[in-house]
Each structure stands twice: as structure tokens, then as C-alpha cells.
Amino acid sequence: MATLQQQEALYRQGRVNLATQAYKQGQFQSLRRATDTYDAPRTTARRRIAGIAPRRGTPALNRLLTPAQEESLKQWILSMDRRGMPPTIITVRQMAGILVAQAQPATSIQVG
């Protein structure tokens, strides 16, 4: 069940979507009037029209594992659990480190 803050955020996002759609379709002469009508934050609506996606739902830029690597790690954990040997946190961290190391391109160092 969504909390009250989550529900309000969803309602606010819906109002922003309605305001931007109405403005783009020409139902309003100005974005200000559209946001006032739908009680939506003007700055947020301006950002959506400019093509800036909301932070919620976008992956963080500082993630080390790709979604495929995360899924692989998850499947490995579940596999170990099915075998009766659930991995410890340290083991999971080591496996994640191995996945990250495999994904990074090897650099060759030339001596001489």
C-alpha cells in the first residue's frame, strides 16, 4: 500500500502530465495558465516540456552493476539458496566485485 506522500507524488505527477499535454495540444495559450488550472508545479511542467525525465524511475548514474549483472547476481543467490547454501553478505559482495571486474576492459601496460 502506498503511503500518503507517495500518493500525493503520484497525483502531482498526474496533474503535471495533464497540464503539459493540454499545453502541447494548444488548449492553453500559456504554460502558466495550464499549470494554474491543473494545480501543477510550473517548474516541473517546464522541465517535462524541455524533455527532462523525472528522477523517480531513472537508474542512478553511480551504479556499478548493470541490470543484467544484477539479475545474474540475483539468480546466483537464489541458486545457492535452493541448494541449501545461502551466501553471506561478504560472499555476495565478492561475487559482485567479480562481475564488475569482468565487465571493465582490461588495460595492457607496456614496460620499456
PDB file of N, CA and C in Angstrom:
ATOM      1  N   MET A   1       0.836  -1.178   0.000  1.00  0.00           N
ATOM      2  CA  MET A   1       0.000   0.000   0.000  1.00  0.00           C
ATOM      3  C   MET A   1       0.884   1.245   0.000  1.00  0.00           C
ATOM      4  N   ALA A   2       0.563   2.170  -0.828  1.00  0.00           N
ATOM      5  CA  ALA A   2       1.352   3.395  -0.945  1.00  0.00           C
ATOM      6  C   ALA A   2       1.087   4.308   0.247  1.00  0.00           C
ATOM      7  N   THR A   3       2.142   4.984   0.665  1.00  0.00           N
ATOM      8  CA  THR A   3       1.991   5.930   1.761  1.00  0.00           C
ATOM      9  C   THR A   3       1.302   7.192   1.249  1.00  0.00           C
ATOM     10  N   LEU A   4       0.943   8.038   2.173  1.00  0.00           N
ATOM     11  CA  LEU A   4       0.262   9.280   1.813  1.00  0.00           C
ATOM     12  C   LEU A   4       1.153  10.169   0.943  1.00  0.00           C
ATOM     13  N   GLN A   5       2.454  10.210   1.259  1.00  0.00           N
ATOM     14  CA  GLN A   5       3.385  11.016   0.459  1.00  0.00           C
ATOM     15  C   GLN A   5       3.525  10.459  -0.952  1.00  0.00           C
ATOM     16  N   GLN A   6       3.557   9.123  -1.072  1.00  0.00           N
ATOM     17  CA  GLN A   6       3.676   8.518  -2.395  1.00  0.00           C
ATOM     18  C   GLN A   6       2.431   8.791  -3.225  1.00  0.00           C
ATOM     19  N   GLN A   7       1.267   8.724  -2.592  1.00  0.00           N
ATOM     20  CA  GLN A   7       0.030   9.010  -3.313  1.00  0.00           C
ATOM     21  C   GLN A   7       0.005  10.456  -3.790  1.00  0.00           C
ATOM     22  N   GLU A   8       0.407  11.378  -2.919  1.00  0.00           N
ATOM     23  CA  GLU A   8       0.417  12.784  -3.297  1.00  0.00           C
ATOM     24  C   GLU A   8       1.398  13.026  -4.444  1.00  0.00           C
ATOM     25  N   ALA A   9       2.542  12.352  -4.417  1.00  0.00           N
ATOM     26  CA  ALA A   9       3.518  12.499  -5.500  1.00  0.00           C
ATOM     27  C   ALA A   9       2.932  11.986  -6.820  1.00  0.00           C
ATOM     28  N   LEU A  10       2.193  10.882  -6.762  1.00  0.00           N
ATOM     29  CA  LEU A  10       1.567  10.356  -7.980  1.00  0.00           C
ATOM     30  C   LEU A  10       0.500  11.316  -8.512  1.00  0.00           C
ATOM     31  N   TYR A  11      -0.305  11.864  -7.608  1.00  0.00           N
ATOM     32  CA  TYR A  11      -1.329  12.818  -8.031  1.00  0.00           C
ATOM     33  C   TYR A  11      -0.692  14.063  -8.651  1.00  0.00           C
ATOM     34  N   ARG A  12       0.400  14.554  -8.023  1.00  0.00           N
ATOM     35  CA  ARG A  12       1.094  15.734  -8.533  1.00  0.00           C
ATOM     36  C   ARG A  12       1.660  15.448  -9.923  1.00  0.00           C
ATOM     37  N   GLN A  13       2.251  14.254 -10.103  1.00  0.00           N
ATOM     38  CA  GLN A  13       2.800  13.885 -11.404  1.00  0.00           C
ATOM     39  C   GLN A  13       1.689  13.794 -12.452  1.00  0.00           C
ATOM     40  N   GLY A  14       0.553  13.277 -12.046  1.00  0.00           N
ATOM     41  CA  GLY A  14      -0.585  13.206 -12.966  1.00  0.00           C
ATOM     42  C   GLY A  14      -1.057  14.581 -13.389  1.00  0.00           C
ATOM     43  N   ARG A  15      -1.109  15.515 -12.433  1.00  0.00           N
ATOM     44  CA  ARG A  15      -1.521  16.887 -12.763  1.00  0.00           C
ATOM     45  C   ARG A  15      -0.508  17.542 -13.693  1.00  0.00           C
ATOM     46  N   VAL A  16       0.771  17.268 -13.472  1.00  0.00           N
ATOM     47  CA  VAL A  16       1.815  17.811 -14.355  1.00  0.00           C
ATOM     48  C   VAL A  16       1.631  17.255 -15.761  1.00  0.00           C
ATOM     49  N   ASN A  17       1.375  15.956 -15.863  1.00  0.00           N
ATOM     50  CA  ASN A  17       1.168  15.345 -17.183  1.00  0.00           C
ATOM     51  C   ASN A  17      -0.036  15.953 -17.895  1.00  0.00           C
ATOM     52  N   LEU A  18      -1.131  16.139 -17.149  1.00  0.00           N
ATOM     53  CA  LEU A  18      -2.318  16.739 -17.759  1.00  0.00           C
ATOM     54  C   LEU A  18      -2.043  18.166 -18.231  1.00  0.00           C
ATOM     55  N   ALA A  19      -1.348  18.939 -17.416  1.00  0.00           N
ATOM     56  CA  ALA A  19      -1.046  20.331 -17.782  1.00  0.00           C
ATOM     57  C   ALA A  19      -0.150  20.395 -19.018  1.00  0.00           C
ATOM     58  N   THR A  20       0.879  19.548 -19.065  1.00  0.00           N
ATOM     59  CA  THR A  20       1.792  19.595 -20.219  1.00  0.00           C
ATOM     60  C   THR A  20       1.093  19.112 -21.488  1.00  0.00           C
ATOM     61  N   GLN A  21       0.262  18.088 -21.372  1.00  0.00           N
ATOM     62  CA  GLN A  21      -0.469  17.609 -22.556  1.00  0.00           C
ATOM     63  C   GLN A  21      -1.425  18.674 -23.076  1.00  0.00           C
ATOM     64  N   ALA A  22      -2.150  19.321 -22.154  1.00  0.00           N
ATOM     65  CA  ALA A  22      -3.095  20.358 -22.571  1.00  0.00           C
ATOM     66  C   ALA A  22      -2.363  21.521 -23.235  1.00  0.00           C
ATOM     67  N   TYR A  23      -1.203  21.888 -22.704  1.00  0.00           N
ATOM     68  CA  TYR A  23      -0.425  22.985 -23.292  1.00  0.00           C
ATOM     69  C   TYR A  23       0.091  22.596 -24.675  1.00  0.00           C
ATOM     70  N   LYS A  24       0.610  21.371 -24.804  1.00  0.00           N
ATOM     71  CA  LYS A  24       1.148  20.930 -26.100  1.00  0.00           C
ATOM     72  C   LYS A  24       0.058  20.815 -27.153  1.00  0.00           C
ATOM     73  N   GLN A  25      -1.162  20.470 -26.741  1.00  0.00           N
ATOM     74  CA  GLN A  25      -2.262  20.325 -27.695  1.00  0.00           C
ATOM     75  C   GLN A  25      -2.920  21.664 -28.038  1.00  0.00           C
ATOM     76  N   GLY A  26      -2.430  22.736 -27.406  1.00  0.00           N
ATOM     77  CA  GLY A  26      -2.938  24.062 -27.733  1.00  0.00           C
ATOM     78  C   GLY A  26      -4.211  24.447 -27.004  1.00  0.00           C
ATOM     79  N   GLN A  27      -4.580  23.718 -25.967  1.00  0.00           N
ATOM     80  CA  GLN A  27      -5.784  24.048 -25.211  1.00  0.00           C
ATOM     81  C   GLN A  27      -5.576  25.304 -24.361  1.00  0.00           C
ATOM     82  N   PHE A  28      -4.311  25.622 -24.097  1.00  0.00           N
ATOM     83  CA  PHE A  28      -3.972  26.814 -23.315  1.00  0.00           C
ATOM     84  C   PHE A  28      -2.939  27.623 -24.086  1.00  0.00           C
ATOM     85  N   GLN A  29      -3.061  28.948 -23.993  1.00  0.00           N
ATOM     86  CA  GLN A  29      -2.122  29.839 -24.653  1.00  0.00           C
ATOM     87  C   GLN A  29      -0.777  29.846 -23.938  1.00  0.00           C
ATOM     88  N   SER A  30      -0.788  29.701 -22.614  1.00  0.00           N
ATOM     89  CA  SER A  30       0.449  29.773 -21.849  1.00  0.00           C
ATOM     90  C   SER A  30       0.547  28.576 -20.909  1.00  0.00           C
ATOM     91  N   LEU A  31       1.783  28.212 -20.639  1.00  0.00           N
ATOM     92  CA  LEU A  31       2.024  27.107 -19.701  1.00  0.00           C
ATOM     93  C   LEU A  31       1.585  27.512 -18.303  1.00  0.00           C
ATOM     94  N   ARG A  32       1.742  28.781 -17.989  1.00  0.00           N
ATOM     95  CA  ARG A  32       1.341  29.257 -16.661  1.00  0.00           C
ATOM     96  C   ARG A  32      -0.150  29.019 -16.417  1.00  0.00           C
ATOM     97  N   ARG A  33      -0.972  29.320 -17.390  1.00  0.00           N
ATOM     98  CA  ARG A  33      -2.416  29.124 -17.233  1.00  0.00           C
ATOM     99  C   ARG A  33      -2.750  27.634 -17.118  1.00  0.00           C
ATOM    100  N   ALA A  34      -2.047  26.810 -17.867  1.00  0.00           N
ATOM    101  CA  ALA A  34      -2.290  25.363 -17.802  1.00  0.00           C
ATOM    102  C   ALA A  34      -1.918  24.813 -16.426  1.00  0.00           C
ATOM    103  N   THR A  35      -0.767  25.226 -15.901  1.00  0.00           N
ATOM    104  CA  THR A  35      -0.355  24.722 -14.588  1.00  0.00           C
ATOM    105  C   THR A  35      -1.251  25.259 -13.481  1.00  0.00           C
ATOM    106  N   ASP A  36      -1.718  26.498 -13.616  1.00  0.00           N
ATOM    107  CA  ASP A  36      -2.638  27.036 -12.622  1.00  0.00           C
ATOM    108  C   ASP A  36      -3.973  26.297 -12.652  1.00  0.00           C
ATOM    109  N   THR A  37      -4.433  25.970 -13.845  1.00  0.00           N
ATOM    110  CA  THR A  37      -5.702  25.258 -13.983  1.00  0.00           C
ATOM    111  C   THR A  37      -5.625  23.870 -13.366  1.00  0.00           C
ATOM    112  N   TYR A  38      -4.544  23.172 -13.599  1.00  0.00           N
ATOM    113  CA  TYR A  38      -4.396  21.805 -13.089  1.00  0.00           C
ATOM    114  C   TYR A  38      -3.695  21.751 -11.740  1.00  0.00           C
ATOM    115  N   ASP A  39      -3.386  22.902 -11.153  1.00  0.00           N
ATOM    116  CA  ASP A  39      -2.705  22.977  -9.857  1.00  0.00           C
ATOM    117  C   ASP A  39      -1.431  22.139  -9.866  1.00  0.00           C
ATOM    118  N   ALA A  40      -0.614  22.370 -10.878  1.00  0.00           N
ATOM    119  CA  ALA A  40       0.634  21.619 -11.051  1.00  0.00           C
ATOM    120  C   ALA A  40       1.818  22.568 -10.881  1.00  0.00           C
ATOM    121  N   PRO A  41       2.944  22.063 -10.396  1.00  0.00           N
ATOM    122  CA  PRO A  41       4.135  22.908 -10.262  1.00  0.00           C
ATOM    123  C   PRO A  41       4.631  23.372 -11.632  1.00  0.00           C
ATOM    124  N   ARG A  42       4.797  24.679 -11.781  1.00  0.00           N
ATOM    125  CA  ARG A  42       5.168  25.267 -13.069  1.00  0.00           C
ATOM    126  C   ARG A  42       6.567  24.837 -13.510  1.00  0.00           C
ATOM    127  N   THR A  43       7.505  24.816 -12.565  1.00  0.00           N
ATOM    128  CA  THR A  43       8.880  24.454 -12.912  1.00  0.00           C
ATOM    129  C   THR A  43       8.952  23.012 -13.396  1.00  0.00           C
ATOM    130  N   THR A  44       8.241  22.125 -12.731  1.00  0.00           N
ATOM    131  CA  THR A  44       8.239  20.719 -13.132  1.00  0.00           C
ATOM    132  C   THR A  44       7.651  20.565 -14.527  1.00  0.00           C
ATOM    133  N   ALA A  45       6.548  21.263 -14.792  1.00  0.00           N
ATOM    134  CA  ALA A  45       5.930  21.192 -16.116  1.00  0.00           C
ATOM    135  C   ALA A  45       6.885  21.719 -17.190  1.00  0.00           C
ATOM    136  N   ARG A  46       7.591  22.807 -16.876  1.00  0.00           N
ATOM    137  CA  ARG A  46       8.557  23.366 -17.821  1.00  0.00           C
ATOM    138  C   ARG A  46       9.660  22.355 -18.135  1.00  0.00           C
ATOM    139  N   ARG A  47      10.126  21.648 -17.095  1.00  0.00           N
ATOM    140  CA  ARG A  47      11.166  20.638 -17.301  1.00  0.00           C
ATOM    141  C   ARG A  47      10.673  19.482 -18.160  1.00  0.00           C
ATOM    142  N   ARG A  48       9.449  19.039 -17.931  1.00  0.00           N
ATOM    143  CA  ARG A  48       8.905  17.926 -18.729  1.00  0.00           C
ATOM    144  C   ARG A  48       8.781  18.324 -20.198  1.00  0.00           C
ATOM    145  N   ILE A  49       8.368  19.545 -20.443  1.00  0.00           N
ATOM    146  CA  ILE A  49       8.247  20.019 -21.826  1.00  0.00           C
ATOM    147  C   ILE A  49       9.620  20.107 -22.477  1.00  0.00           C
ATOM    148  N   ALA A  50      10.632  20.443 -21.690  1.00  0.00           N
ATOM    149  CA  ALA A  50      12.001  20.528 -22.213  1.00  0.00           C
ATOM    150  C   ALA A  50      12.615  19.150 -22.434  1.00  0.00           C
ATOM    151  N   GLY A  51      11.909  18.099 -21.994  1.00  0.00           N
ATOM    152  CA  GLY A  51      12.399  16.743 -22.229  1.00  0.00           C
ATOM    153  C   GLY A  51      13.191  16.151 -21.081  1.00  0.00           C
ATOM    154  N   ILE A  52      13.208  16.815 -19.935  1.00  0.00           N
ATOM    155  CA  ILE A  52      13.933  16.299 -18.773  1.00  0.00           C
ATOM    156  C   ILE A  52      13.039  15.299 -18.055  1.00  0.00           C
ATOM    157  N   ALA A  53      13.513  14.065 -17.922  1.00  0.00           N
ATOM    158  CA  ALA A  53      12.731  12.998 -17.296  1.00  0.00           C
ATOM    159  C   ALA A  53      12.741  13.158 -15.778  1.00  0.00           C
ATOM    160  N   PRO A  54      11.712  12.648 -15.107  1.00  0.00           N
ATOM    161  CA  PRO A  54      11.702  12.710 -13.644  1.00  0.00           C
ATOM    162  C   PRO A  54      12.781  11.819 -13.053  1.00  0.00           C
ATOM    163  N   ARG A  55      13.275  12.179 -11.885  1.00  0.00           N
ATOM    164  CA  ARG A  55      14.318  11.382 -11.241  1.00  0.00           C
ATOM    165  C   ARG A  55      13.800  10.012 -10.844  1.00  0.00           C
ATOM    166  N   ARG A  56      12.555   9.999 -10.363  1.00  0.00           N
ATOM    167  CA  ARG A  56      11.975   8.732  -9.946  1.00  0.00           C
ATOM    168  C   ARG A  56      11.840   7.818 -11.161  1.00  0.00           C
ATOM    169  N   GLY A  57      12.345   6.637 -11.037  1.00  0.00           N
ATOM    170  CA  GLY A  57      12.250   5.678 -12.131  1.00  0.00           C
ATOM    171  C   GLY A  57      13.459   5.635 -13.045  1.00  0.00           C
ATOM    172  N   THR A  58      14.384   6.562 -12.899  1.00  0.00           N
ATOM    173  CA  THR A  58      15.592   6.521 -13.706  1.00  0.00           C
ATOM    174  C   THR A  58      16.721   5.920 -12.880  1.00  0.00           C
ATOM    175  N   PRO A  59      17.553   5.105 -13.485  1.00  0.00           N
ATOM    176  CA  PRO A  59      18.627   4.472 -12.713  1.00  0.00           C
ATOM    177  C   PRO A  59      19.687   5.491 -12.293  1.00  0.00           C
ATOM    178  N   ALA A  60      20.266   5.252 -11.138  1.00  0.00           N
ATOM    179  CA  ALA A  60      21.317   6.134 -10.637  1.00  0.00           C
ATOM    180  C   ALA A  60      22.554   6.011 -11.524  1.00  0.00           C
ATOM    181  N   LEU A  61      23.281   7.099 -11.663  1.00  0.00           N
ATOM    182  CA  LEU A  61      24.447   7.106 -12.533  1.00  0.00           C
ATOM    183  C   LEU A  61      25.664   6.442 -11.896  1.00  0.00           C
ATOM    184  N   ASN A  62      25.674   6.326 -10.580  1.00  0.00           N
ATOM    185  CA  ASN A  62      26.840   5.783  -9.902  1.00  0.00           C
ATOM    186  C   ASN A  62      26.718   4.292  -9.583  1.00  0.00           C
ATOM    187  N   ARG A  63      25.852   3.585 -10.273  1.00  0.00           N
ATOM    188  CA  ARG A  63      25.684   2.154 -10.050  1.00  0.00           C
ATOM    189  C   ARG A  63      26.830   1.406 -10.709  1.00  0.00           C
ATOM    190  N   LEU A  64      27.348   0.419 -10.002  1.00  0.00           N
ATOM    191  CA  LEU A  64      28.468  -0.340 -10.539  1.00  0.00           C
ATOM    192  C   LEU A  64      28.008  -1.493 -11.427  1.00  0.00           C
ATOM    193  N   LEU A  65      26.890  -2.106 -11.078  1.00  0.00           N
ATOM    194  CA  LEU A  65      26.400  -3.254 -11.838  1.00  0.00           C
ATOM    195  C   LEU A  65      25.342  -2.824 -12.850  1.00  0.00           C
ATOM    196  N   THR A  66      25.379  -3.441 -14.000  1.00  0.00           N
ATOM    197  CA  THR A  66      24.331  -3.221 -14.989  1.00  0.00           C
ATOM    198  C   THR A  66      23.105  -4.021 -14.572  1.00  0.00           C
ATOM    199  N   PRO A  67      21.941  -3.725 -15.119  1.00  0.00           N
ATOM    200  CA  PRO A  67      20.761  -4.527 -14.782  1.00  0.00           C
ATOM    201  C   PRO A  67      20.958  -6.018 -15.080  1.00  0.00           C
ATOM    202  N   ALA A  68      21.671  -6.329 -16.150  1.00  0.00           N
ATOM    203  CA  ALA A  68      21.927  -7.741 -16.481  1.00  0.00           C
ATOM    204  C   ALA A  68      22.824  -8.392 -15.425  1.00  0.00           C
ATOM    205  N   GLN A  69      23.830  -7.655 -14.958  1.00  0.00           N
ATOM    206  CA  GLN A  69      24.702  -8.186 -13.923  1.00  0.00           C
ATOM    207  C   GLN A  69      23.946  -8.366 -12.610  1.00  0.00           C
ATOM    208  N   GLU A  70      23.059  -7.422 -12.292  1.00  0.00           N
ATOM    209  CA  GLU A  70      22.247  -7.550 -11.081  1.00  0.00           C
ATOM    210  C   GLU A  70      21.368  -8.791 -11.159  1.00  0.00           C
ATOM    211  N   GLU A  71      20.763  -9.006 -12.313  1.00  0.00           N
ATOM    212  CA  GLU A  71      19.905 -10.181 -12.489  1.00  0.00           C
ATOM    213  C   GLU A  71      20.720 -11.465 -12.360  1.00  0.00           C
ATOM    214  N   SER A  72      21.921 -11.468 -12.920  1.00  0.00           N
ATOM    215  CA  SER A  72      22.804 -12.625 -12.813  1.00  0.00           C
ATOM    216  C   SER A  72      23.164 -12.900 -11.356  1.00  0.00           C
ATOM    217  N   LEU A  73      23.472 -11.847 -10.618  1.00  0.00           N
ATOM    218  CA  LEU A  73      23.799 -11.985  -9.201  1.00  0.00           C
ATOM    219  C   LEU A  73      22.603 -12.499  -8.414  1.00  0.00           C
ATOM    220  N   LYS A  74      21.440 -11.985  -8.733  1.00  0.00           N
ATOM    221  CA  LYS A  74      20.217 -12.432  -8.055  1.00  0.00           C
ATOM    222  C   LYS A  74      19.958 -13.915  -8.320  1.00  0.00           C
ATOM    223  N   GLN A  75      20.111 -14.333  -9.577  1.00  0.00           N
ATOM    224  CA  GLN A  75      19.904 -15.745  -9.919  1.00  0.00           C
ATOM    225  C   GLN A  75      20.924 -16.631  -9.211  1.00  0.00           C
ATOM    226  N   TRP A  76      22.149 -16.164  -9.082  1.00  0.00           N
ATOM    227  CA  TRP A  76      23.176 -16.929  -8.385  1.00  0.00           C
ATOM    228  C   TRP A  76      22.812 -17.092  -6.911  1.00  0.00           C
ATOM    229  N   ILE A  77      22.339 -16.004  -6.278  1.00  0.00           N
ATOM    230  CA  ILE A  77      21.937 -16.069  -4.872  1.00  0.00           C
ATOM    231  C   ILE A  77      20.788 -17.059  -4.691  1.00  0.00           C
ATOM    232  N   LEU A  78      19.790 -16.976  -5.562  1.00  0.00           N
ATOM    233  CA  LEU A  78      18.654 -17.896  -5.467  1.00  0.00           C
ATOM    234  C   LEU A  78      19.083 -19.338  -5.710  1.00  0.00           C
ATOM    235  N   SER A  79      20.006 -19.533  -6.633  1.00  0.00           N
ATOM    236  CA  SER A  79      20.526 -20.867  -6.919  1.00  0.00           C
ATOM    237  C   SER A  79      21.237 -21.446  -5.701  1.00  0.00           C
ATOM    238  N   MET A  80      22.051 -20.640  -5.068  1.00  0.00           N
ATOM    239  CA  MET A  80      22.752 -21.096  -3.865  1.00  0.00           C
ATOM    240  C   MET A  80      21.761 -21.401  -2.743  1.00  0.00           C
ATOM    241  N   ASP A  81      20.728 -20.606  -2.629  1.00  0.00           N
ATOM    242  CA  ASP A  81      19.721 -20.824  -1.597  1.00  0.00           C
ATOM    243  C   ASP A  81      18.957 -22.122  -1.838  1.00  0.00           C
ATOM    244  N   ARG A  82      18.635 -22.404  -3.101  1.00  0.00           N
ATOM    245  CA  ARG A  82      17.934 -23.657  -3.428  1.00  0.00           C
ATOM    246  C   ARG A  82      18.785 -24.879  -3.084  1.00  0.00           C
ATOM    247  N   ARG A  83      20.090 -24.727  -3.163  1.00  0.00           N
ATOM    248  CA  ARG A  83      20.997 -25.834  -2.848  1.00  0.00           C
ATOM    249  C   ARG A  83      21.235 -25.980  -1.347  1.00  0.00           C
ATOM    250  N   GLY A  84      20.649 -25.074  -0.566  1.00  0.00           N
ATOM    251  CA  GLY A  84      20.805 -25.155   0.870  1.00  0.00           C
ATOM    252  C   GLY A  84      22.024 -24.442   1.401  1.00  0.00           C
ATOM    253  N   MET A  85      22.646 -23.612   0.571  1.00  0.00           N
ATOM    254  CA  MET A  85      23.842 -22.880   0.999  1.00  0.00           C
ATOM    255  C   MET A  85      23.657 -21.389   0.700  1.00  0.00           C
ATOM    256  N   PRO A  86      22.773 -20.696   1.428  1.00  0.00           N
ATOM    257  CA  PRO A  86      22.585 -19.277   1.130  1.00  0.00           C
ATOM    258  C   PRO A  86      23.875 -18.510   1.386  1.00  0.00           C
ATOM    259  N   PRO A  87      24.269 -17.658   0.450  1.00  0.00           N
ATOM    260  CA  PRO A  87      25.536 -16.941   0.601  1.00  0.00           C
ATOM    261  C   PRO A  87      25.451 -15.860   1.675  1.00  0.00           C
ATOM    262  N   THR A  88      26.580 -15.567   2.275  1.00  0.00           N
ATOM    263  CA  THR A  88      26.662 -14.490   3.248  1.00  0.00           C
ATOM    264  C   THR A  88      26.803 -13.160   2.505  1.00  0.00           C
ATOM    265  N   ILE A  89      26.675 -12.080   3.234  1.00  0.00           N
ATOM    266  CA  ILE A  89      26.796 -10.754   2.624  1.00  0.00           C
ATOM    267  C   ILE A  89      28.177 -10.569   2.020  1.00  0.00           C
ATOM    268  N   ILE A  90      29.187 -11.050   2.716  1.00  0.00           N
ATOM    269  CA  ILE A  90      30.562 -10.910   2.211  1.00  0.00           C
ATOM    270  C   ILE A  90      30.723 -11.667   0.894  1.00  0.00           C
ATOM    271  N   THR A  91      30.151 -12.869   0.817  1.00  0.00           N
ATOM    272  CA  THR A  91      30.249 -13.661  -0.406  1.00  0.00           C
ATOM    273  C   THR A  91      29.540 -12.961  -1.563  1.00  0.00           C
ATOM    274  N   VAL A  92      28.383 -12.368  -1.287  1.00  0.00           N
ATOM    275  CA  VAL A  92      27.648 -11.646  -2.335  1.00  0.00           C
ATOM    276  C   VAL A  92      28.461 -10.445  -2.806  1.00  0.00           C
ATOM    277  N   ARG A  93      29.099  -9.735  -1.869  1.00  0.00           N
ATOM    278  CA  ARG A  93      29.938  -8.593  -2.250  1.00  0.00           C
ATOM    279  C   ARG A  93      31.114  -9.045  -3.111  1.00  0.00           C
ATOM    280  N   GLN A  94      31.712 -10.177  -2.756  1.00  0.00           N
ATOM    281  CA  GLN A  94      32.833 -10.686  -3.551  1.00  0.00           C
ATOM    282  C   GLN A  94      32.374 -11.051  -4.957  1.00  0.00           C
ATOM    283  N   MET A  95      31.218 -11.691  -5.061  1.00  0.00           N
ATOM    284  CA  MET A  95      30.694 -12.067  -6.376  1.00  0.00           C
ATOM    285  C   MET A  95      30.373 -10.819  -7.194  1.00  0.00           C
ATOM    286  N   ALA A  96      29.807  -9.793  -6.547  1.00  0.00           N
ATOM    287  CA  ALA A  96      29.527  -8.541  -7.256  1.00  0.00           C
ATOM    288  C   ALA A  96      30.833  -7.908  -7.738  1.00  0.00           C
ATOM    289  N   GLY A  97      31.879  -7.980  -6.921  1.00  0.00           N
ATOM    290  CA  GLY A  97      33.183  -7.455  -7.322  1.00  0.00           C
ATOM    291  C   GLY A  97      33.744  -8.190  -8.523  1.00  0.00           C
ATOM    292  N   ILE A  98      33.533  -9.498  -8.552  1.00  0.00           N
ATOM    293  CA  ILE A  98      33.987 -10.295  -9.703  1.00  0.00           C
ATOM    294  C   ILE A  98      33.243  -9.873 -10.965  1.00  0.00           C
ATOM    295  N   LEU A  99      31.931  -9.672 -10.842  1.00  0.00           N
ATOM    296  CA  LEU A  99      31.142  -9.247 -12.003  1.00  0.00           C
ATOM    297  C   LEU A  99      31.603  -7.880 -12.516  1.00  0.00           C
ATOM    298  N   VAL A 100      31.882  -6.969 -11.603  1.00  0.00           N
ATOM    299  CA  VAL A 100      32.340  -5.634 -12.002  1.00  0.00           C
ATOM    300  C   VAL A 100      33.704  -5.727 -12.675  1.00  0.00           C
ATOM    301  N   ALA A 101      34.590  -6.550 -12.105  1.00  0.00           N
ATOM    302  CA  ALA A 101      35.938  -6.683 -12.669  1.00  0.00           C
ATOM    303  C   ALA A 101      35.894  -7.297 -14.066  1.00  0.00           C
ATOM    304  N   GLN A 102      34.984  -8.234 -14.301  1.00  0.00           N
ATOM    305  CA  GLN A 102      34.873  -8.855 -15.625  1.00  0.00           C
ATOM    306  C   GLN A 102      34.342  -7.883 -16.664  1.00  0.00           C
ATOM    307  N   ALA A 103      33.510  -6.952 -16.230  1.00  0.00           N
ATOM    308  CA  ALA A 103      32.893  -6.018 -17.174  1.00  0.00           C
ATOM    309  C   ALA A 103      33.838  -4.908 -17.594  1.00  0.00           C
ATOM    310  N   GLN A 104      34.808  -4.578 -16.756  1.00  0.00           N
ATOM    311  CA  GLN A 104      35.725  -3.493 -17.086  1.00  0.00           C
ATOM    312  C   GLN A 104      36.758  -3.988 -18.085  1.00  0.00           C
ATOM    313  N   PRO A 105      37.052  -3.217 -19.104  1.00  0.00           N
ATOM    314  CA  PRO A 105      38.030  -3.657 -20.105  1.00  0.00           C
ATOM    315  C   PRO A 105      39.432  -3.741 -19.486  1.00  0.00           C
ATOM    316  N   ALA A 106      40.120  -4.769 -19.867  1.00  0.00           N
ATOM    317  CA  ALA A 106      41.488  -4.950 -19.367  1.00  0.00           C
ATOM    318  C   ALA A 106      42.410  -3.981 -20.093  1.00  0.00           C
ATOM    319  N   THR A 107      43.231  -3.299 -19.329  1.00  0.00           N
ATOM    320  CA  THR A 107      44.186  -2.378 -19.933  1.00  0.00           C
ATOM    321  C   THR A 107      45.555  -3.036 -19.916  1.00  0.00           C
ATOM    322  N   SER A 108      46.232  -2.938 -20.991  1.00  0.00           N
ATOM    323  CA  SER A 108      47.550  -3.544 -21.058  1.00  0.00           C
ATOM    324  C   SER A 108      48.592  -2.491 -20.746  1.00  0.00           C
ATOM    325  N   ILE A 109      49.511  -2.868 -19.899  1.00  0.00           N
ATOM    326  CA  ILE A 109      50.582  -1.943 -19.509  1.00  0.00           C
ATOM    327  C   ILE A 109      51.861  -2.445 -20.184  1.00  0.00           C
ATOM    328  N   GLN A 110      52.467  -1.565 -20.936  1.00  0.00           N
ATOM    329  CA  GLN A 110      53.696  -1.946 -21.626  1.00  0.00           C
ATOM    330  C   GLN A 110      54.871  -1.371 -20.870  1.00  0.00           C
ATOM    331  N   VAL A 111      55.828  -2.221 -20.639  1.00  0.00           N
ATOM    332  CA  VAL A 111      57.029  -1.805 -19.925  1.00  0.00           C
ATOM    333  C   VAL A 111      58.147  -1.630 -20.938  1.00  0.00           C
ATOM    334  N   GLY A 112      58.893  -0.571 -20.784  1.00  0.00           N
ATOM    335  CA  GLY A 112      60.057  -0.463 -21.624  1.00  0.00           C
ATOM    336  C   GLY A 112      60.066   0.705 -22.437  1.00  0.00           C
TER     337      GLY A 112
END
